[in-house]
Amino acid sequence: MRGLLFFIFIFMTIPATAHAYIDPGSGSAIMSAIIGFFVVIGLTIKSFWYKIKALFAGGSKDDSETPPDA
């Protein structure tokens, strides 16, 4: 039993040769996904900027930051 487990462990840890091809279009798609991820993070932070600013400032908005009523 112990020999069988050892054989299975050795067999699973030996890397097999992968005959794969990644074309240039795949690299472009991966780069687009990475850039898109950072754009989404930036827009999310921008959307909640005043809430984040108030969280770190430790208070509510000043009267100077609120627009006057029209």
Protein backbone atom coordinates (compact mmCIF):
# COMPACT_ATOMS: atom_id res chain seq x y z
CA MET A 1 0.00 0.00 0.00
CA ARG A 2 2.79 2.39 0.93
CA GLY A 3 4.66 1.59 -2.29
CA LEU A 4 1.53 2.29 -4.32
CA LEU A 5 1.05 5.70 -2.69
CA PHE A 6 4.72 6.51 -3.29
CA PHE A 7 4.37 5.52 -6.97
CA ILE A 8 1.25 7.67 -7.37
CA PHE A 9 2.99 10.63 -5.70
CA ILE A 10 6.06 10.31 -7.95
CA PHE A 11 3.90 9.86 -11.03
CA MET A 12 1.83 12.98 -10.24
CA THR A 13 4.87 15.20 -9.56
CA ILE A 14 6.74 14.44 -12.79
CA PRO A 15 5.86 17.19 -15.26
CA ALA A 16 4.48 16.16 -18.60
CA THR A 17 5.45 17.89 -21.82
CA ALA A 18 2.82 20.35 -22.97
CA HIS A 19 2.51 20.88 -26.70
CA ALA A 20 0.60 24.14 -26.55
CA TYR A 21 0.57 27.30 -28.63
CA ILE A 22 -0.48 30.76 -27.54
CA ASP A 23 -1.00 33.04 -30.50
CA PRO A 24 -0.37 36.81 -30.38
CA GLY A 25 -4.10 37.48 -30.18
CA SER A 26 -4.26 35.70 -26.83
CA GLY A 27 -1.52 37.91 -25.42
CA SER A 28 -3.42 40.97 -26.60
CA ALA A 29 -6.62 39.73 -24.97
CA ILE A 30 -4.80 39.06 -21.69
CA MET A 31 -3.27 42.57 -21.72
CA SER A 32 -6.69 44.09 -22.46
CA ALA A 33 -8.19 42.22 -19.51
CA ILE A 34 -5.43 43.41 -17.17
CA ILE A 35 -5.77 47.04 -18.32
CA GLY A 36 -9.56 46.80 -18.02
CA PHE A 37 -9.23 45.51 -14.47
CA PHE A 38 -7.16 48.53 -13.43
CA VAL A 39 -9.56 50.91 -15.19
CA VAL A 40 -12.51 49.42 -13.29
CA ILE A 41 -10.64 49.74 -9.99
CA GLY A 42 -9.83 53.38 -10.79
CA LEU A 43 -13.41 54.22 -11.73
CA THR A 44 -14.72 52.52 -8.60
CA ILE A 45 -12.38 54.56 -6.42
CA LYS A 46 -13.35 57.72 -8.31
CA SER A 47 -17.07 56.96 -7.83
CA PHE A 48 -16.71 56.63 -4.07
CA TRP A 49 -14.03 59.33 -3.63
CA TYR A 50 -16.08 61.61 -1.36
CA LYS A 51 -17.19 58.70 0.83
CA ILE A 52 -13.59 57.51 1.16
CA LYS A 53 -12.43 61.07 1.81
CA ALA A 54 -15.03 61.52 4.57
CA LEU A 55 -14.01 58.17 6.08
CA PHE A 56 -10.37 59.23 6.42
CA ALA A 57 -11.20 62.83 7.39
CA GLY A 58 -13.28 61.53 10.27
CA GLY A 59 -16.26 63.78 9.76
CA SER A 60 -19.05 64.83 7.50
CA LYS A 61 -18.88 67.24 4.58
CA ASP A 62 -18.29 70.93 5.17
CA ASP A 63 -20.81 73.47 4.02
CA SER A 64 -18.25 74.73 1.52
CA GLU A 65 -18.23 71.38 -0.30
CA THR A 66 -21.98 71.15 -0.78
CA PRO A 67 -23.39 72.99 -3.78
CA PRO A 68 -25.90 75.78 -3.06
CA ASP A 69 -29.60 75.05 -3.60
CA ALA A 70 -30.90 76.32 -6.92
